[in-house]
Amino acid sequence: MIAGTAPVFLTSFITSQGLFLAKVCARGDGGFAAGDHRRLRGTRTSWCRACPWAPSSKARDQMTALNQANLGSLSIPVPSYDRSQVTVGIVHFGVGGFHRAHQAMYIDQLMEQGKALDWGICGVGVMPFDLKMKEAMQSQDCLYTLVEKAPDGSWEPRIIGSIVQYLYAPDDPDAVIEKMADPATRIVSLTVTEGGYNFHPVTGEFDDTNPAVQADLAPGAVPATTFGLITEALVRRRSRGIEPFTVMSCDNIQGNGHMAQEVFAAFARLRDPELGEWVEGKRSFPNSMVDRITPVTTDEDRAQISERFGVEDAWPVVCEPFTQWALEDKFTAGRPPLEDVGVQVVPDVDAVRADETAAAERESPGAVLFRLSRRLPAGPRGRAGSVVRQLPARLHESRSYADPGPGAGHRSRRVQAAAHRAILQRRRSGTRSLGSAPRARSAFRRGWFRSSERILPLVGM
């Protein structure tokens, strides 16, 4: 006890969320007043403001604003490369959470190796809701915090610096077009979601009745859509004798490169039939296969990142540790050495997809459920054998069932629904595929019923 202060009691208790330590002031009545404690969970800390050991309000308010000048004041990993030496080589449409957790992260890793400094990213916003991203990025010198949240509750933060410019097209469409027409720009990439490709919901063809598309096609119109802006940039490059850039779709759509080529050729054909044929004939639309669960950033994410790491970030990104990118090696004007940071740069993305599908088909249903719940890849780690021998304990104890962890809602919808669909396809052979091991068969049944309770409503069953 400290002289002149009330007695202090230290207690600990276990809850479903983990171990909590509570330091409580006794205010003479021997009771525990609400809020009179310090609570610890991982590295998160919250103090009772009335307690004498709590930091002052001034200290609590001393968060470091994220910008280039303040990088040296942060205690988390920041870019070690000189961002003033980074030049734009990629223009990206659709700077959201996934792009910043995926493509921009890979480019940042290359720059950390002293490579790809001429492949900096210029983000472009087209839609009205992109105005908030413009404000966040420009106020922070295009820096942001990327936090990987692991299922065990650990957080791995890093400041990403590969985006070096952000343009909001409605403010200055010509600046966006000229940025793409610049010979230094060799890739224009997209994460605009499936709806951004403007397919008609009934015919499946490019929807030329879309009012925004019609406005872009009017004589003398200033482009406002992604199609109009990119097509005009290609026209200017062509007229200036500059090689066309590669249009690289990073949306999670099978055959995304083919889709991008189809819609841009369709738009160009509406503008000029000969231009459409030129776009369609260019081998500059690589397919890719991407994966990383990236939940929408919430106010709680912002608050926790500030509290844990002392950084004030207007729009951080949270994601899972798992990431995958398979990319077709089909570029007209060069590309970054993405294979140096784990990207599968391959001649045929469909072959990679087929290999993974074949590996998954060879798995037992119990192993599928276990692998998908733990975000393990298809293949030896996900097949029967050693994994199935671990099912009894792991299916029962796995955090993925007791507590889905960070981004739980988003993670549950994608991972559990995928597991359910995979097992439904082979349900008839389910327990038979586990052999005669009673514990494995029992574990599969437990996992199936436990998962089904959550999954069935998600998949409309």
Protein backbone atom coordinates (compact mmCIF):
# COMPACT_ATOMS: atom_id res chain seq x y z
CA MET A 1 0.00 0.00 0.00
CA ILE A 2 1.21 3.52 -0.78
CA ALA A 3 1.08 6.01 2.07
CA GLY A 4 -1.67 8.55 1.75
CA THR A 5 -3.70 6.63 -0.78
CA ALA A 6 -6.66 4.33 -0.60
CA PRO A 7 -5.89 0.62 -0.57
CA VAL A 8 -5.45 -0.95 -3.96
CA PHE A 9 -6.57 -4.48 -4.76
CA LEU A 10 -5.40 -6.55 -7.72
CA THR A 11 -7.68 -9.24 -8.98
CA SER A 12 -7.83 -11.37 -12.09
CA PHE A 13 -10.59 -13.42 -13.64
CA ILE A 14 -11.27 -15.45 -16.72
CA THR A 15 -14.03 -14.63 -19.19
CA SER A 16 -14.96 -16.07 -22.57
CA GLN A 17 -12.81 -13.35 -24.13
CA GLY A 18 -9.65 -14.20 -22.23
CA LEU A 19 -7.77 -13.09 -19.10
CA PHE A 20 -8.62 -9.74 -17.56
CA LEU A 21 -6.56 -8.05 -14.88
CA ALA A 22 -8.37 -5.49 -12.77
CA LYS A 23 -6.73 -2.98 -10.45
CA VAL A 24 -9.46 -1.54 -8.24
CA CYS A 25 -9.64 1.49 -5.95
CA ALA A 26 -11.46 0.91 -2.68
CA ARG A 27 -13.20 4.19 -1.91
CA GLY A 28 -13.84 3.41 1.70
CA ASP A 29 -16.90 1.28 1.05
CA GLY A 30 -14.97 -1.84 0.11
CA GLY A 31 -16.96 -2.16 -3.11
CA PHE A 32 -15.93 -2.21 -6.75
CA ALA A 33 -17.29 0.88 -8.43
CA ALA A 34 -18.00 0.55 -12.13
CA GLY A 35 -15.03 1.70 -14.15
CA ASP A 36 -12.59 1.76 -11.23
CA HIS A 37 -10.06 -0.48 -12.90
CA ARG A 38 -7.46 -0.90 -15.54
CA ARG A 39 -8.41 -3.61 -18.02
CA LEU A 40 -5.84 -5.44 -20.12
CA ARG A 41 -6.57 -7.62 -23.14
CA GLY A 42 -3.53 -8.33 -25.26
CA THR A 43 -1.98 -4.89 -25.62
CA ARG A 44 -5.20 -2.95 -25.27
CA THR A 45 -5.37 -0.78 -22.20
CA SER A 46 -8.22 1.26 -20.72
CA TRP A 47 -7.97 3.19 -17.48
CA CYS A 48 -10.44 4.43 -14.94
CA ARG A 49 -10.13 8.19 -15.27
CA ALA A 50 -10.75 8.67 -11.55
CA CYS A 51 -7.85 6.44 -10.51
CA PRO A 52 -4.59 8.12 -9.45
CA TRP A 53 -2.48 5.85 -11.67
CA ALA A 54 -4.44 6.72 -14.81
CA PRO A 55 -2.60 8.90 -17.34
CA SER A 56 -3.69 12.50 -17.61
CA SER A 57 -6.17 13.60 -20.25
CA LYS A 58 -3.31 15.47 -21.91
CA ALA A 59 -1.31 12.25 -22.23
CA ARG A 60 -4.34 10.40 -23.56
CA ASP A 61 -4.81 13.07 -26.21
CA GLN A 62 -1.18 13.02 -27.37
CA MET A 63 -1.64 10.78 -30.37
CA THR A 64 0.77 11.16 -33.28
CA ALA A 65 -0.95 12.29 -36.46
CA LEU A 66 0.03 10.07 -39.36
CA ASN A 67 2.00 11.94 -42.01
CA GLN A 68 5.45 11.86 -43.58
CA ALA A 69 6.96 14.32 -41.10
CA ASN A 70 5.88 12.24 -38.08
CA LEU A 71 7.08 8.81 -39.22
CA GLY A 72 10.15 9.02 -37.01
CA SER A 73 7.96 9.51 -33.95
CA LEU A 74 6.01 6.27 -34.37
CA SER A 75 6.86 3.08 -32.51
CA ILE A 76 5.53 0.70 -35.18
CA PRO A 77 7.27 -0.33 -38.45
CA VAL A 78 7.35 2.46 -41.03
CA PRO A 79 8.79 2.65 -44.57
CA SER A 80 12.58 2.44 -44.49
CA TYR A 81 12.89 3.54 -48.12
CA ASP A 82 13.04 7.15 -49.21
CA ARG A 83 9.53 7.95 -50.38
CA SER A 84 10.77 11.12 -52.09
CA GLN A 85 12.54 8.83 -54.57
CA VAL A 86 9.38 6.88 -55.42
CA THR A 87 7.80 7.72 -58.78
CA VAL A 88 4.40 6.68 -60.11
CA GLY A 89 4.30 3.62 -62.36
CA ILE A 90 0.82 2.37 -61.45
CA VAL A 91 -2.50 4.24 -61.50
CA HIS A 92 -5.14 2.47 -59.46
CA PHE A 93 -8.92 2.95 -59.61
CA GLY A 94 -10.82 2.00 -56.47
CA VAL A 95 -8.54 2.63 -53.50
CA GLY A 96 -10.38 0.83 -50.73
CA GLY A 97 -9.52 -1.58 -47.97
CA PHE A 98 -8.73 -4.55 -50.19
CA HIS A 99 -6.36 -2.69 -52.51
CA ARG A 100 -4.47 -1.26 -49.56
CA ALA A 101 -4.27 -4.66 -47.83
CA HIS A 102 -3.23 -6.45 -51.01
CA GLN A 103 -1.61 -4.83 -54.08
CA ALA A 104 -0.29 -1.76 -52.26
CA MET A 105 1.09 -4.00 -49.50
CA TYR A 106 2.98 -6.16 -52.03
CA ILE A 107 4.48 -3.07 -53.70
CA ASP A 108 5.48 -1.74 -50.28
CA GLN A 109 7.28 -5.01 -49.54
CA LEU A 110 9.22 -4.69 -52.80
CA MET A 111 10.22 -1.15 -51.94
CA GLU A 112 11.45 -2.37 -48.56
CA GLN A 113 13.85 -4.56 -50.53
CA GLY A 114 15.09 -1.53 -52.46
CA LYS A 115 13.15 -2.54 -55.57
CA ALA A 116 10.28 -1.11 -57.61
CA LEU A 117 10.80 2.52 -56.57
CA ASP A 118 9.57 3.44 -60.05
CA TRP A 119 6.33 1.52 -59.44
CA GLY A 120 4.72 3.85 -56.92
CA ILE A 121 0.92 3.99 -56.93
CA CYS A 122 -1.32 6.93 -57.76
CA GLY A 123 -4.80 6.25 -56.45
CA VAL A 124 -7.84 7.55 -58.31
CA GLY A 125 -11.34 8.08 -56.97
CA VAL A 126 -14.29 8.38 -59.33
CA MET A 127 -17.40 7.95 -57.21
CA PRO A 128 -18.84 10.49 -54.74
CA PHE A 129 -18.00 8.23 -51.79
CA ASP A 130 -14.33 8.36 -52.83
CA LEU A 131 -14.19 11.96 -51.62
CA LYS A 132 -13.67 10.75 -48.04
CA MET A 133 -10.75 8.60 -49.15
CA LYS A 134 -9.25 11.59 -50.95
CA GLU A 135 -9.45 13.67 -47.78
CA ALA A 136 -7.93 10.90 -45.65
CA MET A 137 -5.11 10.10 -48.06
CA GLN A 138 -4.14 13.66 -48.85
CA SER A 139 -4.15 14.68 -45.18
CA GLN A 140 -1.75 11.82 -44.39
CA ASP A 141 0.62 12.10 -47.38
CA CYS A 142 -1.08 8.91 -48.67
CA LEU A 143 0.26 6.90 -45.72
CA TYR A 144 -1.94 4.49 -43.78
CA THR A 145 -1.74 1.81 -41.11
CA LEU A 146 -2.19 -1.82 -42.12
CA VAL A 147 -2.95 -4.18 -39.22
CA GLU A 148 -2.99 -7.95 -39.59
CA LYS A 149 -5.33 -9.45 -36.99
CA ALA A 150 -4.52 -13.09 -36.29
CA PRO A 151 -7.06 -15.58 -34.89
CA ASP A 152 -5.04 -15.79 -31.66
CA GLY A 153 -5.74 -12.10 -31.03
CA SER A 154 -2.31 -10.75 -31.93
CA TRP A 155 -2.01 -7.59 -34.05
CA GLU A 156 0.81 -6.87 -36.50
CA PRO A 157 0.85 -3.20 -37.58
CA ARG A 158 2.84 -1.50 -40.30
CA ILE A 159 2.71 1.88 -42.04
CA ILE A 160 2.41 1.41 -45.83
CA GLY A 161 4.04 4.01 -48.09
CA SER A 162 3.68 2.66 -51.64
CA ILE A 163 0.80 4.99 -52.52
CA VAL A 164 2.37 8.36 -53.21
CA GLN A 165 -0.43 10.32 -54.88
CA TYR A 166 -4.22 10.42 -54.88
CA LEU A 167 -6.41 12.13 -57.48
CA TYR A 168 -10.15 12.65 -57.29
CA ALA A 169 -11.39 12.54 -60.88
CA PRO A 170 -14.44 14.85 -60.48
CA ASP A 171 -12.07 17.61 -59.35
CA ASP A 172 -9.84 17.42 -62.42
CA PRO A 173 -10.58 14.67 -64.96
CA ASP A 174 -7.81 15.84 -67.28
CA ALA A 175 -5.19 15.44 -64.55
CA VAL A 176 -6.25 11.79 -64.16
CA ILE A 177 -6.15 11.21 -67.93
CA GLU A 178 -2.74 12.83 -68.29
CA LYS A 179 -1.38 10.81 -65.38
CA MET A 180 -2.33 7.64 -67.28
CA ALA A 181 -1.09 9.06 -70.59
CA ASP A 182 2.33 9.72 -69.04
CA PRO A 183 4.86 7.18 -70.40
CA ALA A 184 5.99 6.51 -66.82
CA THR A 185 2.60 4.91 -66.11
CA ARG A 186 2.78 1.34 -67.32
CA ILE A 187 -0.04 -0.31 -65.38
CA VAL A 188 -3.58 0.86 -64.67
CA SER A 189 -5.12 -1.44 -62.06
CA LEU A 190 -8.68 -1.86 -60.84
CA THR A 191 -10.60 -2.92 -57.75
CA VAL A 192 -14.05 -1.65 -58.65
CA THR A 193 -16.08 -4.73 -57.58
CA GLU A 194 -18.14 -6.83 -59.94
CA GLY A 195 -20.77 -4.10 -60.30
CA GLY A 196 -18.12 -1.70 -61.57
CA TYR A 197 -17.82 -3.63 -64.85
CA ASN A 198 -21.29 -2.46 -65.91
CA PHE A 199 -22.76 -5.74 -67.12
CA HIS A 200 -26.49 -5.86 -67.77
CA PRO A 201 -28.07 -8.15 -65.12
CA VAL A 202 -30.19 -9.98 -67.72
CA THR A 203 -28.16 -10.12 -70.93
CA GLY A 204 -24.71 -10.25 -69.35
CA GLU A 205 -23.49 -7.79 -71.97
CA PHE A 206 -21.94 -4.37 -71.41
CA ASP A 207 -24.82 -2.07 -70.45
CA ASP A 208 -24.67 0.78 -72.95
CA THR A 209 -27.98 2.15 -71.62
CA ASN A 210 -26.32 3.24 -68.38
CA PRO A 211 -26.84 7.03 -68.18
CA ALA A 212 -23.26 7.60 -67.00
CA VAL A 213 -21.93 5.66 -69.99
CA GLN A 214 -24.22 7.56 -72.35
CA ALA A 215 -22.98 10.86 -70.92
CA ASP A 216 -19.35 9.85 -71.53
CA LEU A 217 -20.15 8.93 -75.14
CA ALA A 218 -21.75 12.29 -75.96
CA PRO A 219 -19.70 14.36 -78.45
CA GLY A 220 -17.24 16.60 -76.64
CA ALA A 221 -18.05 15.10 -73.23
CA VAL A 222 -15.50 15.27 -70.43
CA PRO A 223 -15.04 11.66 -69.25
CA ALA A 224 -16.43 10.89 -65.81
CA THR A 225 -16.57 7.08 -65.65
CA THR A 226 -13.72 4.63 -65.25
CA PHE A 227 -14.38 3.50 -68.84
CA GLY A 228 -14.28 7.00 -70.26
CA LEU A 229 -11.17 8.06 -68.36
CA ILE A 230 -9.10 4.97 -69.18
CA THR A 231 -10.21 4.86 -72.83
CA GLU A 232 -9.33 8.52 -73.34
CA ALA A 233 -5.90 7.91 -71.83
CA LEU A 234 -5.34 5.01 -74.25
CA VAL A 235 -6.39 7.23 -77.15
CA ARG A 236 -3.92 9.93 -76.15
CA ARG A 237 -1.08 7.42 -75.77
CA ARG A 238 -1.89 5.96 -79.16
CA SER A 239 -1.89 9.37 -80.83
CA ARG A 240 1.46 10.21 -79.21
CA GLY A 241 3.11 6.94 -80.19
CA ILE A 242 3.34 5.68 -76.60
CA GLU A 243 2.89 1.99 -75.89
CA PRO A 244 -0.45 1.23 -74.21
CA PHE A 245 -0.43 0.47 -70.51
CA THR A 246 -1.56 -2.84 -69.06
CA VAL A 247 -5.06 -2.86 -67.53
CA MET A 248 -4.78 -5.15 -64.51
CA SER A 249 -7.97 -6.15 -62.73
CA CYS A 250 -7.51 -7.16 -59.09
CA ASP A 251 -11.18 -7.83 -58.39
CA ASN A 252 -12.07 -11.21 -56.96
CA ILE A 253 -13.79 -12.42 -60.14
CA GLN A 254 -12.83 -15.49 -62.15
CA GLY A 255 -11.48 -14.39 -65.52
CA ASN A 256 -11.22 -10.78 -64.35
CA GLY A 257 -8.75 -9.91 -67.13
CA HIS A 258 -11.06 -11.26 -69.81
CA MET A 259 -13.94 -9.35 -68.26
CA ALA A 260 -11.96 -6.10 -68.19
CA GLN A 261 -10.94 -6.51 -71.83
CA GLU A 262 -14.53 -7.21 -72.86
CA VAL A 263 -16.04 -4.16 -71.17
CA PHE A 264 -13.32 -1.71 -72.21
CA ALA A 265 -13.44 -2.96 -75.80
CA ALA A 266 -17.23 -2.62 -75.76
CA PHE A 267 -17.03 0.97 -74.51
CA ALA A 268 -14.31 1.86 -77.02
CA ARG A 269 -16.35 0.30 -79.83
CA LEU A 270 -19.31 2.51 -78.93
CA ARG A 271 -17.03 5.50 -79.18
CA ASP A 272 -15.29 4.39 -82.38
CA PRO A 273 -15.59 0.88 -83.95
CA GLU A 274 -11.96 0.92 -85.07
CA LEU A 275 -10.82 1.94 -81.58
CA GLY A 276 -12.80 -0.94 -80.14
CA GLU A 277 -11.05 -3.41 -82.43
CA TRP A 278 -7.68 -1.96 -81.40
CA VAL A 279 -8.45 -2.35 -77.69
CA GLU A 280 -9.81 -5.85 -78.17
CA GLY A 281 -6.68 -6.90 -80.04
CA LYS A 282 -4.27 -5.78 -77.32
CA ARG A 283 -2.85 -8.50 -75.06
CA SER A 284 -2.74 -6.20 -72.07
CA PHE A 285 -5.45 -7.52 -69.73
CA PRO A 286 -3.91 -10.20 -67.45
CA ASN A 287 -6.09 -12.47 -65.37
CA SER A 288 -5.45 -12.73 -61.67
CA MET A 289 -6.66 -14.64 -58.62
CA VAL A 290 -6.69 -12.69 -55.37
CA ASP A 291 -7.61 -13.44 -51.79
CA ARG A 292 -7.43 -11.63 -48.48
CA ILE A 293 -10.29 -11.05 -46.08
CA THR A 294 -10.41 -7.31 -45.39
CA PRO A 295 -13.39 -6.22 -43.28
CA VAL A 296 -14.71 -2.69 -43.52
CA THR A 297 -12.80 -0.38 -41.18
CA THR A 298 -14.94 0.60 -38.21
CA ASP A 299 -14.74 3.41 -35.70
CA GLU A 300 -13.75 0.81 -33.13
CA ASP A 301 -10.82 -0.23 -35.35
CA ARG A 302 -9.68 3.40 -35.52
CA ALA A 303 -9.99 3.82 -31.76
CA GLN A 304 -8.14 0.60 -30.96
CA ILE A 305 -5.32 1.36 -33.40
CA SER A 306 -4.91 4.79 -31.82
CA GLU A 307 -4.97 3.33 -28.33
CA ARG A 308 -2.62 0.44 -29.02
CA PHE A 309 -0.07 2.12 -31.26
CA GLY A 310 -0.40 5.85 -30.57
CA VAL A 311 -1.10 6.73 -34.20
CA GLU A 312 -3.98 8.88 -35.34
CA ASP A 313 -5.04 7.40 -38.69
CA ALA A 314 -8.18 8.62 -40.44
CA TRP A 315 -8.62 5.40 -42.42
CA PRO A 316 -6.51 2.42 -41.34
CA VAL A 317 -6.96 -1.07 -42.79
CA VAL A 318 -7.45 -4.31 -40.89
CA CYS A 319 -7.09 -7.71 -42.52
CA GLU A 320 -6.31 -11.35 -41.92
CA PRO A 321 -2.71 -12.64 -42.13
CA PHE A 322 -3.48 -14.90 -45.09
CA THR A 323 -2.96 -13.39 -48.55
CA GLN A 324 -2.73 -14.80 -52.06
CA TRP A 325 -2.16 -13.34 -55.51
CA ALA A 326 -1.73 -15.39 -58.68
CA LEU A 327 -1.08 -13.16 -61.68
CA GLU A 328 -0.88 -13.91 -65.38
CA ASP A 329 2.45 -12.75 -66.81
CA LYS A 330 0.96 -10.70 -69.66
CA PHE A 331 2.20 -7.11 -69.51
CA THR A 332 2.84 -4.78 -72.42
CA ALA A 333 5.18 -2.30 -70.74
CA GLY A 334 6.90 -4.17 -67.94
CA ARG A 335 5.88 -4.93 -64.37
CA PRO A 336 7.34 -4.93 -60.85
CA PRO A 337 9.19 -8.14 -59.78
CA LEU A 338 6.21 -9.28 -57.75
CA GLU A 339 7.42 -12.87 -57.59
CA ASP A 340 10.11 -11.60 -55.17
CA VAL A 341 7.44 -11.00 -52.52
CA GLY A 342 5.42 -14.18 -52.92
CA VAL A 343 3.12 -13.41 -55.84
CA GLN A 344 2.57 -16.38 -58.14
CA VAL A 345 3.42 -14.89 -61.53
CA VAL A 346 2.36 -17.61 -63.96
CA PRO A 347 1.55 -18.17 -67.65
CA ASP A 348 -2.00 -19.32 -66.85
CA VAL A 349 -3.97 -18.37 -63.76
CA ASP A 350 -6.70 -20.87 -64.61
CA ALA A 351 -4.15 -23.67 -64.20
CA VAL A 352 -3.37 -22.46 -60.67
CA ARG A 353 -7.07 -22.35 -59.88
CA ALA A 354 -7.57 -25.83 -61.32
CA ASP A 355 -4.68 -27.22 -59.27
CA GLU A 356 -6.17 -25.81 -56.07
CA THR A 357 -9.61 -27.13 -56.96
CA ALA A 358 -8.19 -30.58 -57.67
CA ALA A 359 -6.32 -30.56 -54.36
CA ALA A 360 -9.49 -29.56 -52.54
CA GLU A 361 -11.48 -32.31 -54.26
CA ARG A 362 -9.07 -34.90 -52.91
CA GLU A 363 -9.69 -33.75 -49.33
CA SER A 364 -12.04 -35.43 -46.95
CA PRO A 365 -15.04 -33.32 -45.88
CA GLY A 366 -13.71 -33.12 -42.32
CA ALA A 367 -10.36 -31.87 -43.56
CA VAL A 368 -12.11 -29.29 -45.75
CA LEU A 369 -14.00 -27.95 -42.76
CA PHE A 370 -10.87 -27.80 -40.66
CA ARG A 371 -8.71 -26.24 -43.41
CA LEU A 372 -11.18 -23.55 -44.39
CA SER A 373 -11.88 -22.61 -40.79
CA ARG A 374 -8.14 -22.11 -40.26
CA ARG A 375 -7.48 -20.49 -43.67
CA LEU A 376 -5.02 -23.23 -44.67
CA PRO A 377 -4.37 -23.74 -48.40
CA ALA A 378 -5.51 -26.81 -50.26
CA GLY A 379 -2.91 -29.54 -50.55
CA PRO A 380 -0.93 -31.70 -48.12
CA ARG A 381 -1.74 -29.59 -45.05
CA GLY A 382 -5.43 -29.72 -45.85
CA ARG A 383 -5.82 -33.35 -46.86
CA ALA A 384 -6.73 -36.36 -44.74
CA GLY A 385 -3.78 -38.14 -43.08
CA SER A 386 -2.07 -36.02 -40.45
CA VAL A 387 -4.70 -33.29 -40.49
CA VAL A 388 -7.57 -35.69 -39.96
CA ARG A 389 -5.67 -37.26 -37.06
CA GLN A 390 -5.72 -33.82 -35.43
CA LEU A 391 -9.41 -33.21 -36.02
CA PRO A 392 -10.81 -34.47 -32.71
CA ALA A 393 -8.96 -31.94 -30.55
CA ARG A 394 -8.66 -29.16 -33.09
CA LEU A 395 -12.25 -29.10 -34.27
CA HIS A 396 -13.39 -28.93 -30.67
CA GLU A 397 -10.84 -26.37 -29.47
CA SER A 398 -10.32 -24.23 -32.58
CA ARG A 399 -10.81 -20.53 -31.97
CA SER A 400 -12.52 -20.40 -35.36
CA TYR A 401 -15.59 -21.98 -33.78
CA ALA A 402 -15.52 -20.58 -30.25
CA ASP A 403 -14.60 -17.06 -31.31
CA PRO A 404 -14.12 -16.20 -35.01
CA GLY A 405 -11.77 -13.38 -34.02
CA PRO A 406 -11.18 -10.07 -35.81
CA GLY A 407 -13.65 -9.27 -38.55
CA ALA A 408 -15.87 -12.04 -37.26
CA GLY A 409 -18.97 -11.21 -39.26
CA HIS A 410 -17.13 -10.83 -42.54
CA ARG A 411 -14.95 -13.87 -41.86
CA SER A 412 -17.89 -16.06 -40.89
CA ARG A 413 -19.83 -15.29 -44.05
CA ARG A 414 -16.99 -16.14 -46.41
CA VAL A 415 -15.11 -18.91 -44.63
CA GLN A 416 -17.99 -20.80 -43.07
CA ALA A 417 -20.21 -20.57 -46.13
CA ALA A 418 -17.34 -21.84 -48.28
CA ALA A 419 -16.81 -24.73 -45.86
CA HIS A 420 -20.49 -25.56 -45.90
CA ARG A 421 -20.68 -25.59 -49.70
CA ALA A 422 -17.56 -27.74 -49.95
CA ILE A 423 -18.91 -30.31 -47.52
CA LEU A 424 -22.39 -30.35 -49.02
CA GLN A 425 -20.85 -31.48 -52.31
CA ARG A 426 -19.44 -34.58 -50.64
CA ARG A 427 -21.75 -35.03 -47.68
CA ARG A 428 -22.85 -38.52 -48.67
CA SER A 429 -19.29 -39.78 -48.46
CA GLY A 430 -18.58 -37.63 -45.40
CA THR A 431 -17.90 -39.89 -42.47
CA ARG A 432 -16.99 -42.83 -44.71
CA SER A 433 -14.00 -40.86 -46.05
CA LEU A 434 -12.64 -40.55 -42.51
CA GLY A 435 -12.14 -44.29 -42.32
CA SER A 436 -12.81 -46.34 -39.25
CA ALA A 437 -11.26 -43.99 -36.69
CA PRO A 438 -14.13 -43.34 -34.24
CA ARG A 439 -12.65 -40.10 -32.89
CA ALA A 440 -12.22 -38.61 -36.37
CA ARG A 441 -15.76 -39.59 -37.36
CA SER A 442 -17.14 -38.13 -34.15
CA ALA A 443 -15.13 -34.93 -34.59
CA PHE A 444 -16.42 -34.52 -38.11
CA ARG A 445 -20.01 -34.85 -36.94
CA ARG A 446 -19.46 -32.32 -34.16
CA GLY A 447 -17.81 -29.90 -36.56
CA TRP A 448 -20.53 -30.35 -39.13
CA PHE A 449 -23.42 -29.70 -36.77
CA ARG A 450 -21.68 -26.86 -34.97
CA SER A 451 -20.82 -25.20 -38.28
CA SER A 452 -24.27 -25.82 -39.76
CA GLU A 453 -25.97 -23.99 -36.90
CA ARG A 454 -24.17 -20.83 -38.03
CA ILE A 455 -23.83 -21.39 -41.75
CA LEU A 456 -27.27 -22.48 -42.88
CA PRO A 457 -28.89 -19.06 -42.35
CA LEU A 458 -25.96 -17.40 -44.17
CA VAL A 459 -26.43 -19.44 -47.33
CA GLY A 460 -30.21 -19.26 -47.36
CA MET A 461 -30.92 -22.82 -46.22
